[in-house]
Amino acid sequence: MSRRRTLSTKKKIALLVSAATVAGGGAVVMAATSNAAQSPQTAAESSVCQGLATALGNNQRFIEGQRAAPDAQSTARIANREAVIEQIKVQQKASGCVVGESAQGSQATAPQPAQPSQPAQSAPAGDGGAAAGQQVCNGSTVTLSGEGGAPAASSNQFPAGTKLKVTNLDNNKSTTVEVTSVSGSCVLLNNAAFEQVREPGKFLIRRAVIEKVG
């Protein structure tokens, strides 16, 4: 009787271990299935993803412009923007976004009430006669270029040397930066400038006031 009880106990332990192993394996499978079900978010599903897609599109559009009308510095500019695009893709992956998604036309989204005295965003390069202190780029959203360096901006409307004040109406933070290069939007902030006015975790400023101050 004693031996039977001993064997019975051992069998019970073995069965319990086997059951636990199967249950554990099932949990791993369920976890893997759950993770696989979480597909990357698109720009339409996440404001973070939209900001990154916009930044990617801006840089792609800039590259297209340089290739369409190249000059002596185009090769260097294109190489720099291609490196920026790769960094944006890294950020897209880290943020759970669709890697490589581009939103070249999203600069015109979320428009603000137009003022007839202000130049339209589609105006050709140049300051459109705007005086210092005048609000410009009405209706534009603001995002980042992904470029490093001291706070600066790029623009398709204002020449290098122009000073612009960008205010984020969602947190009332502002920064005054100098335009140093050309981009595919009215104003595109580099990383340092964007950090001064951004909301945590966001790569897009939907409600912005942009003023020409110099």
N, C-alpha and C. Protein backbone atom coordinates (compact mmCIF):
# COMPACT_ATOMS: atom_id res chain seq x y z
N MET A 1 0.82 -1.21 0.00
CA MET A 1 0.00 0.00 0.00
C MET A 1 0.85 1.25 0.00
N SER A 2 1.93 1.17 0.75
CA SER A 2 2.81 2.33 0.85
C SER A 2 3.41 2.66 -0.49
N ARG A 3 3.84 1.58 -1.24
CA ARG A 3 4.47 1.81 -2.54
C ARG A 3 3.47 2.38 -3.53
N ARG A 4 2.25 1.87 -3.49
CA ARG A 4 1.23 2.38 -4.39
C ARG A 4 0.96 3.86 -4.15
N ARG A 5 0.89 4.21 -2.88
CA ARG A 5 0.65 5.62 -2.54
C ARG A 5 1.80 6.51 -3.03
N THR A 6 3.04 6.01 -2.90
CA THR A 6 4.21 6.79 -3.34
C THR A 6 4.17 7.01 -4.83
N LEU A 7 3.89 5.93 -5.58
CA LEU A 7 3.82 6.05 -7.04
C LEU A 7 2.69 6.97 -7.44
N SER A 8 1.58 6.84 -6.74
CA SER A 8 0.42 7.67 -7.05
C SER A 8 0.75 9.16 -6.85
N THR A 9 1.45 9.45 -5.80
CA THR A 9 1.84 10.83 -5.51
C THR A 9 2.77 11.36 -6.58
N LYS A 10 3.75 10.54 -7.01
CA LYS A 10 4.69 10.96 -8.05
C LYS A 10 3.97 11.21 -9.37
N LYS A 11 3.01 10.35 -9.67
CA LYS A 11 2.26 10.52 -10.91
C LYS A 11 1.46 11.82 -10.88
N LYS A 12 0.91 12.10 -9.70
CA LYS A 12 0.14 13.33 -9.59
C LYS A 12 1.02 14.56 -9.79
N ILE A 13 2.22 14.52 -9.24
CA ILE A 13 3.15 15.64 -9.40
C ILE A 13 3.54 15.81 -10.87
N ALA A 14 3.83 14.68 -11.53
CA ALA A 14 4.20 14.72 -12.95
C ALA A 14 3.07 15.30 -13.78
N LEU A 15 1.84 14.91 -13.47
CA LEU A 15 0.70 15.42 -14.22
C LEU A 15 0.51 16.92 -14.01
N LEU A 16 0.72 17.35 -12.77
CA LEU A 16 0.60 18.77 -12.47
C LEU A 16 1.65 19.59 -13.20
N VAL A 17 2.89 19.09 -13.24
CA VAL A 17 3.98 19.79 -13.95
C VAL A 17 3.66 19.88 -15.43
N SER A 18 3.18 18.77 -16.01
CA SER A 18 2.83 18.75 -17.43
C SER A 18 1.72 19.75 -17.72
N ALA A 19 0.72 19.79 -16.86
CA ALA A 19 -0.40 20.71 -17.05
C ALA A 19 0.07 22.15 -16.98
N ALA A 20 0.97 22.43 -16.03
CA ALA A 20 1.49 23.79 -15.89
C ALA A 20 2.28 24.20 -17.12
N THR A 21 3.06 23.22 -17.66
CA THR A 21 3.85 23.51 -18.85
C THR A 21 2.97 23.83 -20.03
N VAL A 22 1.92 23.03 -20.21
CA VAL A 22 0.98 23.27 -21.31
C VAL A 22 0.29 24.62 -21.15
N ALA A 23 -0.12 24.91 -19.92
CA ALA A 23 -0.79 26.19 -19.66
C ALA A 23 0.13 27.36 -19.93
N GLY A 24 1.40 27.20 -19.51
CA GLY A 24 2.38 28.26 -19.75
C GLY A 24 2.61 28.47 -21.22
N GLY A 25 2.72 27.36 -21.96
CA GLY A 25 2.90 27.47 -23.40
C GLY A 25 1.72 28.15 -24.05
N GLY A 26 0.53 27.84 -23.57
CA GLY A 26 -0.66 28.48 -24.11
C GLY A 26 -0.66 29.97 -23.85
N ALA A 27 -0.16 30.37 -22.68
CA ALA A 27 -0.10 31.78 -22.35
C ALA A 27 0.86 32.51 -23.28
N VAL A 28 2.00 31.87 -23.60
CA VAL A 28 2.97 32.47 -24.51
C VAL A 28 2.36 32.65 -25.89
N VAL A 29 1.66 31.62 -26.36
CA VAL A 29 1.01 31.69 -27.67
C VAL A 29 -0.02 32.81 -27.70
N MET A 30 -0.82 32.91 -26.61
CA MET A 30 -1.84 33.96 -26.56
C MET A 30 -1.20 35.33 -26.55
N ALA A 31 -0.09 35.50 -25.81
CA ALA A 31 0.59 36.78 -25.76
C ALA A 31 1.15 37.15 -27.13
N ALA A 32 1.73 36.16 -27.81
CA ALA A 32 2.28 36.41 -29.14
C ALA A 32 1.19 36.79 -30.11
N THR A 33 0.05 36.10 -30.00
CA THR A 33 -1.09 36.41 -30.88
C THR A 33 -1.60 37.82 -30.62
N SER A 34 -1.65 38.20 -29.32
CA SER A 34 -2.12 39.52 -28.96
C SER A 34 -1.22 40.60 -29.51
N ASN A 35 0.12 40.40 -29.39
CA ASN A 35 1.06 41.37 -29.90
C ASN A 35 0.98 41.49 -31.41
N ALA A 36 0.79 40.35 -32.07
CA ALA A 36 0.72 40.36 -33.53
C ALA A 36 -0.51 41.10 -34.02
N ALA A 37 -1.58 41.08 -33.18
CA ALA A 37 -2.82 41.73 -33.57
C ALA A 37 -2.73 43.25 -33.53
N GLN A 38 -1.74 43.77 -32.81
CA GLN A 38 -1.58 45.21 -32.69
C GLN A 38 -0.78 45.73 -33.89
N SER A 39 -1.48 46.09 -34.95
CA SER A 39 -0.82 46.56 -36.16
C SER A 39 -0.36 48.00 -36.00
N PRO A 40 0.65 48.44 -36.76
CA PRO A 40 1.14 49.82 -36.67
C PRO A 40 0.03 50.83 -36.95
N GLN A 41 0.08 51.97 -36.29
CA GLN A 41 -0.93 53.00 -36.47
C GLN A 41 -0.60 53.88 -37.67
N THR A 42 -1.64 54.35 -38.33
CA THR A 42 -1.47 55.26 -39.46
C THR A 42 -1.57 56.71 -38.99
N ALA A 43 -1.30 57.63 -39.89
CA ALA A 43 -1.38 59.05 -39.55
C ALA A 43 -2.81 59.44 -39.18
N ALA A 44 -3.78 58.76 -39.76
CA ALA A 44 -5.18 59.07 -39.46
C ALA A 44 -5.59 58.59 -38.08
N GLU A 45 -4.84 57.65 -37.52
CA GLU A 45 -5.20 57.06 -36.23
C GLU A 45 -4.45 57.67 -35.05
N SER A 46 -3.37 58.39 -35.32
CA SER A 46 -2.54 58.91 -34.23
C SER A 46 -1.95 60.26 -34.61
N SER A 47 -2.06 61.24 -33.70
CA SER A 47 -1.49 62.56 -33.96
C SER A 47 0.03 62.50 -34.02
N VAL A 48 0.63 61.60 -33.23
CA VAL A 48 2.08 61.42 -33.27
C VAL A 48 2.50 60.91 -34.64
N CYS A 49 1.77 59.91 -35.13
CA CYS A 49 2.08 59.34 -36.44
C CYS A 49 1.84 60.35 -37.55
N GLN A 50 0.83 61.20 -37.39
CA GLN A 50 0.56 62.21 -38.40
C GLN A 50 1.70 63.22 -38.46
N GLY A 51 2.21 63.62 -37.28
CA GLY A 51 3.32 64.57 -37.26
C GLY A 51 4.56 64.01 -37.93
N LEU A 52 4.85 62.73 -37.66
CA LEU A 52 6.02 62.11 -38.26
C LEU A 52 5.82 61.93 -39.77
N ALA A 53 4.60 61.57 -40.18
CA ALA A 53 4.31 61.42 -41.61
C ALA A 53 4.44 62.76 -42.33
N THR A 54 4.02 63.83 -41.66
CA THR A 54 4.13 65.16 -42.24
C THR A 54 5.60 65.56 -42.39
N ALA A 55 6.39 65.30 -41.34
CA ALA A 55 7.82 65.61 -41.39
C ALA A 55 8.50 64.84 -42.51
N LEU A 56 8.12 63.57 -42.66
CA LEU A 56 8.70 62.75 -43.73
C LEU A 56 8.32 63.32 -45.09
N GLY A 57 7.04 63.68 -45.24
CA GLY A 57 6.58 64.24 -46.51
C GLY A 57 7.25 65.55 -46.85
N ASN A 58 7.46 66.41 -45.85
CA ASN A 58 8.13 67.69 -46.09
C ASN A 58 9.55 67.48 -46.63
N ASN A 59 10.25 66.54 -46.04
CA ASN A 59 11.61 66.28 -46.48
C ASN A 59 11.64 65.64 -47.87
N GLN A 60 10.69 64.77 -48.15
CA GLN A 60 10.62 64.17 -49.48
C GLN A 60 10.32 65.22 -50.54
N ARG A 61 9.42 66.14 -50.20
CA ARG A 61 9.06 67.20 -51.14
C ARG A 61 10.26 68.13 -51.38
N PHE A 62 11.02 68.40 -50.32
CA PHE A 62 12.22 69.23 -50.47
C PHE A 62 13.21 68.56 -51.42
N ILE A 63 13.42 67.25 -51.25
CA ILE A 63 14.33 66.51 -52.12
C ILE A 63 13.86 66.56 -53.57
N GLU A 64 12.56 66.40 -53.78
CA GLU A 64 12.01 66.46 -55.13
C GLU A 64 12.29 67.82 -55.77
N GLY A 65 12.13 68.88 -54.98
CA GLY A 65 12.39 70.22 -55.49
C GLY A 65 13.84 70.42 -55.86
N GLN A 66 14.76 69.88 -55.03
CA GLN A 66 16.18 70.01 -55.32
C GLN A 66 16.57 69.24 -56.59
N ARG A 67 15.95 68.09 -56.79
CA ARG A 67 16.24 67.30 -57.99
C ARG A 67 15.65 67.93 -59.24
N ALA A 68 14.52 68.62 -59.07
CA ALA A 68 13.89 69.27 -60.22
C ALA A 68 14.64 70.52 -60.65
N ALA A 69 15.25 71.22 -59.69
CA ALA A 69 16.00 72.44 -60.01
C ALA A 69 17.30 72.44 -59.21
N PRO A 70 18.23 71.59 -59.59
CA PRO A 70 19.48 71.45 -58.83
C PRO A 70 20.41 72.65 -58.96
N ASP A 71 21.23 72.85 -57.94
CA ASP A 71 22.30 73.83 -57.99
C ASP A 71 23.56 73.19 -57.42
N ALA A 72 24.57 74.00 -57.16
CA ALA A 72 25.86 73.46 -56.71
C ALA A 72 25.77 72.76 -55.36
N GLN A 73 24.79 73.13 -54.52
CA GLN A 73 24.67 72.56 -53.17
C GLN A 73 23.60 71.49 -53.06
N SER A 74 22.92 71.18 -54.15
CA SER A 74 21.79 70.25 -54.09
C SER A 74 22.19 68.86 -53.60
N THR A 75 23.32 68.37 -54.08
CA THR A 75 23.73 67.01 -53.69
C THR A 75 23.92 66.90 -52.18
N ALA A 76 24.56 67.91 -51.60
CA ALA A 76 24.78 67.92 -50.15
C ALA A 76 23.46 68.05 -49.40
N ARG A 77 22.56 68.91 -49.90
CA ARG A 77 21.26 69.10 -49.24
C ARG A 77 20.44 67.82 -49.29
N ILE A 78 20.45 67.16 -50.45
CA ILE A 78 19.68 65.93 -50.60
C ILE A 78 20.21 64.85 -49.66
N ALA A 79 21.53 64.72 -49.58
CA ALA A 79 22.13 63.71 -48.69
C ALA A 79 21.74 63.98 -47.24
N ASN A 80 21.70 65.25 -46.85
CA ASN A 80 21.33 65.61 -45.49
C ASN A 80 19.87 65.26 -45.22
N ARG A 81 18.98 65.58 -46.16
CA ARG A 81 17.57 65.30 -45.96
C ARG A 81 17.28 63.79 -46.01
N GLU A 82 18.04 63.05 -46.78
CA GLU A 82 17.85 61.59 -46.81
C GLU A 82 18.21 60.99 -45.45
N ALA A 83 19.25 61.56 -44.81
CA ALA A 83 19.62 61.10 -43.47
C ALA A 83 18.52 61.44 -42.47
N VAL A 84 17.91 62.62 -42.65
CA VAL A 84 16.80 63.03 -41.78
C VAL A 84 15.62 62.07 -41.95
N ILE A 85 15.32 61.69 -43.19
CA ILE A 85 14.22 60.77 -43.47
C ILE A 85 14.44 59.43 -42.77
N GLU A 86 15.67 58.94 -42.80
CA GLU A 86 15.96 57.67 -42.13
C GLU A 86 15.75 57.78 -40.63
N GLN A 87 16.09 58.94 -40.06
CA GLN A 87 15.89 59.14 -38.62
C GLN A 87 14.40 59.21 -38.29
N ILE A 88 13.62 59.84 -39.17
CA ILE A 88 12.17 59.90 -38.95
C ILE A 88 11.57 58.51 -38.99
N LYS A 89 12.06 57.66 -39.89
CA LYS A 89 11.57 56.28 -39.97
C LYS A 89 11.86 55.51 -38.68
N VAL A 90 13.02 55.80 -38.09
CA VAL A 90 13.36 55.17 -36.80
C VAL A 90 12.35 55.62 -35.74
N GLN A 91 12.01 56.91 -35.76
CA GLN A 91 11.04 57.43 -34.80
C GLN A 91 9.65 56.84 -35.06
N GLN A 92 9.30 56.64 -36.34
CA GLN A 92 8.01 56.02 -36.66
C GLN A 92 7.93 54.62 -36.07
N LYS A 93 8.97 53.85 -36.23
CA LYS A 93 8.99 52.48 -35.71
C LYS A 93 8.89 52.49 -34.19
N ALA A 94 9.65 53.37 -33.55
CA ALA A 94 9.65 53.44 -32.08
C ALA A 94 8.30 53.89 -31.53
N SER A 95 7.56 54.67 -32.32
CA SER A 95 6.26 55.19 -31.88
C SER A 95 5.10 54.29 -32.27
N GLY A 96 5.40 53.14 -32.90
CA GLY A 96 4.35 52.22 -33.31
C GLY A 96 3.57 52.68 -34.52
N CYS A 97 4.20 53.49 -35.37
CA CYS A 97 3.55 54.01 -36.57
C CYS A 97 3.94 53.18 -37.79
N VAL A 98 3.23 53.40 -38.90
CA VAL A 98 3.57 52.75 -40.15
C VAL A 98 4.87 53.36 -40.66
N VAL A 99 5.92 52.56 -40.74
CA VAL A 99 7.23 53.06 -41.14
C VAL A 99 7.21 53.44 -42.62
N GLY A 100 7.65 54.66 -42.92
CA GLY A 100 7.71 55.13 -44.29
C GLY A 100 6.46 55.85 -44.75
N GLU A 101 5.43 55.94 -43.89
CA GLU A 101 4.22 56.64 -44.30
C GLU A 101 4.51 58.13 -44.46
N SER A 102 4.06 58.67 -45.57
CA SER A 102 4.34 60.07 -45.89
C SER A 102 3.04 60.84 -46.06
N ALA A 103 3.03 62.08 -45.61
CA ALA A 103 1.84 62.93 -45.75
C ALA A 103 2.28 64.28 -46.31
N GLN A 104 2.57 64.31 -47.59
CA GLN A 104 3.09 65.53 -48.20
C GLN A 104 2.05 66.63 -48.29
N GLY A 105 0.77 66.26 -48.32
CA GLY A 105 -0.26 67.28 -48.47
C GLY A 105 -0.87 67.73 -47.16
N SER A 106 -0.38 67.22 -46.02
CA SER A 106 -1.04 67.48 -44.74
C SER A 106 -0.75 68.86 -44.18
N GLN A 107 0.15 69.63 -44.80
CA GLN A 107 0.41 70.97 -44.30
C GLN A 107 -0.82 71.86 -44.42
N ALA A 108 -1.72 71.49 -45.32
CA ALA A 108 -2.90 72.32 -45.53
C ALA A 108 -4.08 71.90 -44.66
N THR A 109 -3.91 70.86 -43.82
CA THR A 109 -5.01 70.39 -42.98
C THR A 109 -5.20 71.29 -41.78
N ALA A 110 -6.34 71.15 -41.12
CA ALA A 110 -6.68 71.93 -39.93
C ALA A 110 -6.51 73.42 -40.17
N PRO A 111 -7.17 74.00 -41.19
CA PRO A 111 -7.00 75.42 -41.50
C PRO A 111 -7.60 76.31 -40.43
N GLN A 112 -7.05 77.52 -40.30
CA GLN A 112 -7.57 78.52 -39.39
C GLN A 112 -8.31 79.57 -40.22
N PRO A 113 -9.16 80.39 -39.63
CA PRO A 113 -9.88 81.41 -40.39
C PRO A 113 -8.92 82.29 -41.18
N ALA A 114 -9.21 82.46 -42.45
CA ALA A 114 -8.30 83.23 -43.32
C ALA A 114 -8.50 84.71 -43.12
N GLN A 115 -7.41 85.46 -43.29
CA GLN A 115 -7.46 86.90 -43.25
C GLN A 115 -6.98 87.40 -44.61
N PRO A 116 -7.82 88.14 -45.34
CA PRO A 116 -7.49 88.54 -46.70
C PRO A 116 -6.16 89.26 -46.84
N SER A 117 -5.73 89.98 -45.80
CA SER A 117 -4.51 90.75 -45.91
C SER A 117 -3.25 89.90 -45.80
N GLN A 118 -3.41 88.61 -45.49
CA GLN A 118 -2.25 87.75 -45.28
C GLN A 118 -1.99 86.91 -46.51
N PRO A 119 -0.72 86.63 -46.83
CA PRO A 119 -0.40 85.83 -48.01
C PRO A 119 -0.86 84.39 -47.84
N ALA A 120 -1.35 83.78 -48.90
CA ALA A 120 -1.76 82.38 -48.86
C ALA A 120 -0.54 81.49 -48.77
N GLN A 121 -0.72 80.29 -48.24
CA GLN A 121 0.40 79.39 -48.06
C GLN A 121 1.00 78.96 -49.40
N SER A 122 0.14 78.95 -50.44
CA SER A 122 0.62 78.49 -51.74
C SER A 122 1.35 79.58 -52.52
N ALA A 123 1.54 80.74 -51.92
CA ALA A 123 2.23 81.82 -52.61
C ALA A 123 3.65 81.42 -52.93
N PRO A 124 4.25 81.99 -53.98
CA PRO A 124 5.63 81.66 -54.34
C PRO A 124 6.60 82.12 -53.29
N ALA A 125 7.83 81.63 -53.37
CA ALA A 125 8.86 81.99 -52.39
C ALA A 125 8.99 83.49 -52.29
N GLY A 126 9.22 83.98 -51.09
CA GLY A 126 9.31 85.41 -50.85
C GLY A 126 8.41 85.77 -49.70
N ASP A 127 8.61 86.99 -49.13
CA ASP A 127 7.84 87.34 -47.93
C ASP A 127 6.49 87.96 -48.27
N GLY A 128 6.15 88.07 -49.55
CA GLY A 128 4.84 88.57 -49.93
C GLY A 128 4.58 89.99 -49.46
N GLY A 129 5.64 90.74 -49.15
CA GLY A 129 5.47 92.11 -48.71
C GLY A 129 5.07 92.23 -47.25
N ALA A 130 5.14 91.13 -46.49
CA ALA A 130 4.75 91.17 -45.08
C ALA A 130 5.70 92.08 -44.29
N ALA A 131 5.12 92.93 -43.46
CA ALA A 131 5.91 93.82 -42.62
C ALA A 131 6.25 93.12 -41.31
N ALA A 132 7.28 93.63 -40.63
CA ALA A 132 7.68 93.06 -39.36
C ALA A 132 6.52 93.14 -38.37
N GLY A 133 6.25 92.05 -37.67
CA GLY A 133 5.16 92.01 -36.71
C GLY A 133 3.85 91.51 -37.30
N GLN A 134 3.81 91.30 -38.62
CA GLN A 134 2.58 90.83 -39.26
C GLN A 134 2.47 89.32 -39.19
N GLN A 135 1.25 88.83 -38.93
CA GLN A 135 1.02 87.39 -38.89
C GLN A 135 1.04 86.84 -40.32
N VAL A 136 1.74 85.71 -40.49
CA VAL A 136 1.89 85.11 -41.82
C VAL A 136 1.58 83.61 -41.75
N CYS A 137 1.67 82.95 -42.88
CA CYS A 137 1.48 81.49 -42.95
C CYS A 137 0.15 81.07 -42.34
N ASN A 138 -0.90 81.87 -42.56
CA ASN A 138 -2.18 81.57 -41.94
C ASN A 138 -2.69 80.20 -42.36
N GLY A 139 -3.11 79.40 -41.37
CA GLY A 139 -3.65 78.08 -41.65
C GLY A 139 -2.63 76.97 -41.68
N SER A 140 -1.34 77.31 -41.54
CA SER A 140 -0.30 76.28 -41.61
C SER A 140 -0.18 75.52 -40.30
N THR A 141 0.04 74.24 -40.41
CA THR A 141 0.47 73.47 -39.25
C THR A 141 1.99 73.51 -39.22
N VAL A 142 2.57 73.21 -38.08
CA VAL A 142 4.03 73.29 -37.93
C VAL A 142 4.55 71.95 -37.43
N THR A 143 5.59 71.46 -38.06
CA THR A 143 6.22 70.23 -37.61
C THR A 143 7.73 70.39 -37.65
N LEU A 144 8.45 69.29 -37.43
CA LEU A 144 9.90 69.39 -37.35
C LEU A 144 10.56 68.75 -38.56
N SER A 145 11.74 69.25 -38.88
CA SER A 145 12.49 68.75 -40.03
C SER A 145 13.34 67.54 -39.68
N GLY A 146 13.64 67.37 -38.38
CA GLY A 146 14.52 66.28 -37.96
C GLY A 146 15.98 66.67 -37.99
N GLU A 147 16.26 67.92 -38.35
CA GLU A 147 17.65 68.37 -38.42
C GLU A 147 18.15 68.87 -37.06
N GLY A 148 19.44 68.70 -36.82
CA GLY A 148 20.04 69.14 -35.57
C GLY A 148 20.52 70.58 -35.66
N GLY A 149 21.37 70.95 -34.71
CA GLY A 149 21.92 72.30 -34.69
C GLY A 149 21.15 73.24 -33.81
N ALA A 150 21.58 74.51 -33.79
CA ALA A 150 20.91 75.54 -33.00
C ALA A 150 19.51 75.78 -33.54
N PRO A 151 18.60 76.31 -32.70
CA PRO A 151 17.23 76.56 -33.16
C PRO A 151 17.19 77.36 -34.45
N ALA A 152 16.45 76.85 -35.44
CA ALA A 152 16.37 77.49 -36.75
C ALA A 152 15.13 76.98 -37.47
N ALA A 153 14.84 77.59 -38.62
CA ALA A 153 13.68 77.19 -39.41
C ALA A 153 14.05 77.15 -40.88
N SER A 154 13.20 76.49 -41.66
CA SER A 154 13.33 76.52 -43.11
C SER A 154 11.95 76.88 -43.65
N SER A 155 11.89 77.41 -44.87
CA SER A 155 10.64 77.91 -45.40
C SER A 155 10.63 77.92 -46.92
N ASN A 156 9.43 77.84 -47.50
CA ASN A 156 9.30 77.98 -48.95
C ASN A 156 8.76 79.35 -49.33
N GLN A 157 8.60 80.23 -48.32
CA GLN A 157 8.07 81.57 -48.58
C GLN A 157 9.01 82.69 -48.16
N PHE A 158 9.88 82.41 -47.21
CA PHE A 158 10.72 83.46 -46.67
C PHE A 158 12.20 83.16 -46.92
N PRO A 159 12.97 84.13 -47.36
CA PRO A 159 14.38 83.92 -47.65
C PRO A 159 15.21 83.74 -46.39
N ALA A 160 16.40 83.20 -46.56
CA ALA A 160 17.32 83.03 -45.43
C ALA A 160 17.58 84.39 -44.78
N GLY A 161 17.62 84.38 -43.46
CA GLY A 161 17.84 85.62 -42.71
C GLY A 161 16.56 86.19 -42.11
N THR A 162 15.41 85.77 -42.63
CA THR A 162 14.12 86.23 -42.09
C THR A 162 13.92 85.65 -40.69
N LYS A 163 13.43 86.45 -39.78
CA LYS A 163 13.15 85.98 -38.43
C LYS A 163 11.64 85.79 -38.25
N LEU A 164 11.27 84.61 -37.76
CA LEU A 164 9.87 84.26 -37.56
C LEU A 164 9.62 83.88 -36.10
N LYS A 165 8.51 84.31 -35.58
CA LYS A 165 8.10 83.92 -34.23
C LYS A 165 6.97 82.91 -34.36
N VAL A 166 7.17 81.73 -33.78
CA VAL A 166 6.18 80.66 -33.83
C VAL A 166 5.61 80.44 -32.44
N THR A 167 4.29 80.55 -32.31
CA THR A 167 3.62 80.36 -31.03
C THR A 167 2.67 79.17 -31.12
N ASN A 168 2.81 78.24 -30.19
CA ASN A 168 1.92 77.09 -30.10
C ASN A 168 0.75 77.48 -29.21
N LEU A 169 -0.43 77.62 -29.79
CA LEU A 169 -1.59 78.07 -29.03
C LEU A 169 -2.10 77.03 -28.04
N ASP A 170 -1.67 75.79 -28.18
CA ASP A 170 -2.13 74.74 -27.27
C ASP A 170 -1.40 74.76 -25.93
N ASN A 171 -0.22 75.41 -25.88
CA ASN A 171 0.49 75.52 -24.60
C ASN A 171 1.06 76.93 -24.38
N ASN A 172 0.80 77.84 -25.33
CA ASN A 172 1.26 79.23 -25.24
C ASN A 172 2.77 79.39 -25.20
N LYS A 173 3.49 78.40 -25.70
CA LYS A 173 4.93 78.51 -25.80
C LYS A 173 5.30 79.09 -27.16
N SER A 174 6.37 79.89 -27.21
CA SER A 174 6.77 80.48 -28.47
C SER A 174 8.29 80.48 -28.61
N THR A 175 8.74 80.58 -29.84
CA THR A 175 10.17 80.67 -30.12
C THR A 175 10.36 81.57 -31.32
N THR A 176 11.44 82.32 -31.32
CA THR A 176 11.79 83.17 -32.45
C THR A 176 13.04 82.60 -33.11
N VAL A 177 12.93 82.28 -34.38
CA VAL A 177 14.01 81.61 -35.08
C VAL A 177 14.31 82.31 -36.41
N GLU A 178 15.48 82.04 -36.92
CA GLU A 178 15.89 82.60 -38.21
C GLU A 178 15.77 81.53 -39.28
N VAL A 179 15.26 81.92 -40.44
CA VAL A 179 15.19 81.00 -41.57
C VAL A 179 16.59 80.81 -42.12
N THR A 180 17.02 79.56 -42.22
CA THR A 180 18.38 79.27 -42.69
C THR A 180 18.42 78.45 -43.97
N SER A 181 17.26 77.87 -44.37
CA SER A 181 17.26 77.04 -45.57
C SER A 181 15.86 76.96 -46.16
N VAL A 182 15.76 76.28 -47.29
CA VAL A 182 14.48 76.13 -48.00
C VAL A 182 13.85 74.79 -47.62
N SER A 183 12.51 74.78 -47.51
CA SER A 183 11.78 73.53 -47.24
C SER A 183 10.53 73.50 -48.09
N GLY A 184 9.71 72.48 -47.88
CA GLY A 184 8.49 72.34 -48.66
C GLY A 184 7.27 72.93 -47.99
N SER A 185 7.42 73.67 -46.90
CA SER A 185 6.28 74.26 -46.21
C SER A 185 6.61 75.68 -45.79
N CYS A 186 5.58 76.39 -45.31
CA CYS A 186 5.76 77.80 -44.96
C CYS A 186 6.80 77.97 -43.86
N VAL A 187 6.71 77.13 -42.83
CA VAL A 187 7.74 77.15 -41.79
C VAL A 187 7.91 75.74 -41.25
N LEU A 188 9.14 75.31 -41.19
CA LEU A 188 9.49 73.98 -40.69
C LEU A 188 10.60 74.17 -39.66
N LEU A 189 10.36 73.76 -38.43
CA LEU A 189 11.32 73.96 -37.35
C LEU A 189 12.29 72.79 -37.25
N ASN A 190 13.55 73.08 -36.94
CA ASN A 190 14.47 71.98 -36.69
C ASN A 190 14.23 71.43 -35.28
N ASN A 191 14.95 70.41 -34.89
CA ASN A 191 14.68 69.73 -33.62
C ASN A 191 14.75 70.67 -32.42
N ALA A 192 15.81 71.49 -32.36
CA ALA A 192 16.00 72.36 -31.20
C ALA A 192 14.88 73.38 -31.08
N ALA A 193 14.46 73.97 -32.19
CA ALA A 193 13.39 74.97 -32.17
C ALA A 193 12.06 74.32 -31.81
N PHE A 194 11.81 73.13 -32.36
CA PHE A 194 10.54 72.45 -32.10
C PHE A 194 10.42 72.07 -30.63
N GLU A 195 11.53 71.69 -30.01
CA GLU A 195 11.52 71.32 -28.59
C GLU A 195 11.08 72.48 -27.71
N GLN A 196 11.33 73.71 -28.17
CA GLN A 196 10.99 74.89 -27.37
C GLN A 196 9.49 75.17 -27.33
N VAL A 197 8.74 74.62 -28.28
CA VAL A 197 7.31 74.94 -28.35
C VAL A 197 6.40 73.71 -28.37
N ARG A 198 6.97 72.52 -28.41
CA ARG A 198 6.17 71.32 -28.56
C ARG A 198 5.41 70.95 -27.29
N GLU A 199 4.37 70.13 -27.47
CA GLU A 199 3.72 69.46 -26.36
C GLU A 199 4.35 68.09 -26.24
N PRO A 200 4.54 67.56 -25.03
CA PRO A 200 5.20 66.26 -24.86
C PRO A 200 4.58 65.16 -25.71
N GLY A 201 5.41 64.45 -26.44
CA GLY A 201 4.96 63.32 -27.24
C GLY A 201 4.32 63.67 -28.56
N LYS A 202 4.23 64.97 -28.91
CA LYS A 202 3.59 65.37 -30.16
C LYS A 202 4.63 65.87 -31.17
N PHE A 203 4.40 65.53 -32.43
CA PHE A 203 5.30 65.93 -33.51
C PHE A 203 4.62 66.87 -34.49
N LEU A 204 3.50 67.43 -34.07
CA LEU A 204 2.74 68.31 -34.95
C LEU A 204 2.06 69.39 -34.12
N ILE A 205 2.17 70.64 -34.56
CA ILE A 205 1.47 71.75 -33.91
C ILE A 205 0.33 72.15 -34.84
N ARG A 206 -0.88 71.84 -34.42
CA ARG A 206 -2.04 72.11 -35.27
C ARG A 206 -2.48 73.57 -35.19
N ARG A 207 -2.38 74.15 -34.00
CA ARG A 207 -2.82 75.54 -33.81
C ARG A 207 -1.61 76.41 -33.53
N ALA A 208 -1.13 77.07 -34.56
CA ALA A 208 0.06 77.88 -34.43
C ALA A 208 -0.17 79.29 -34.97
N VAL A 209 0.46 80.26 -34.35
CA VAL A 209 0.49 81.62 -34.87
C VAL A 209 1.93 81.90 -35.29
N ILE A 210 2.10 82.31 -36.54
CA ILE A 210 3.44 82.57 -37.08
C ILE A 210 3.53 84.03 -37.46
N GLU A 211 4.50 84.73 -36.94
CA GLU A 211 4.67 86.16 -37.21
C GLU A 211 6.05 86.43 -37.78
N LYS A 212 6.11 87.33 -38.73
CA LYS A 212 7.39 87.81 -39.23
C LYS A 212 7.85 88.94 -38.33
N VAL A 213 9.00 88.76 -37.70
CA VAL A 213 9.47 89.79 -36.74
C VAL A 213 10.78 90.45 -37.20
N GLY A 214 11.30 90.04 -38.30
CA GLY A 214 12.54 90.67 -38.78
C GLY A 214 12.98 90.10 -40.10
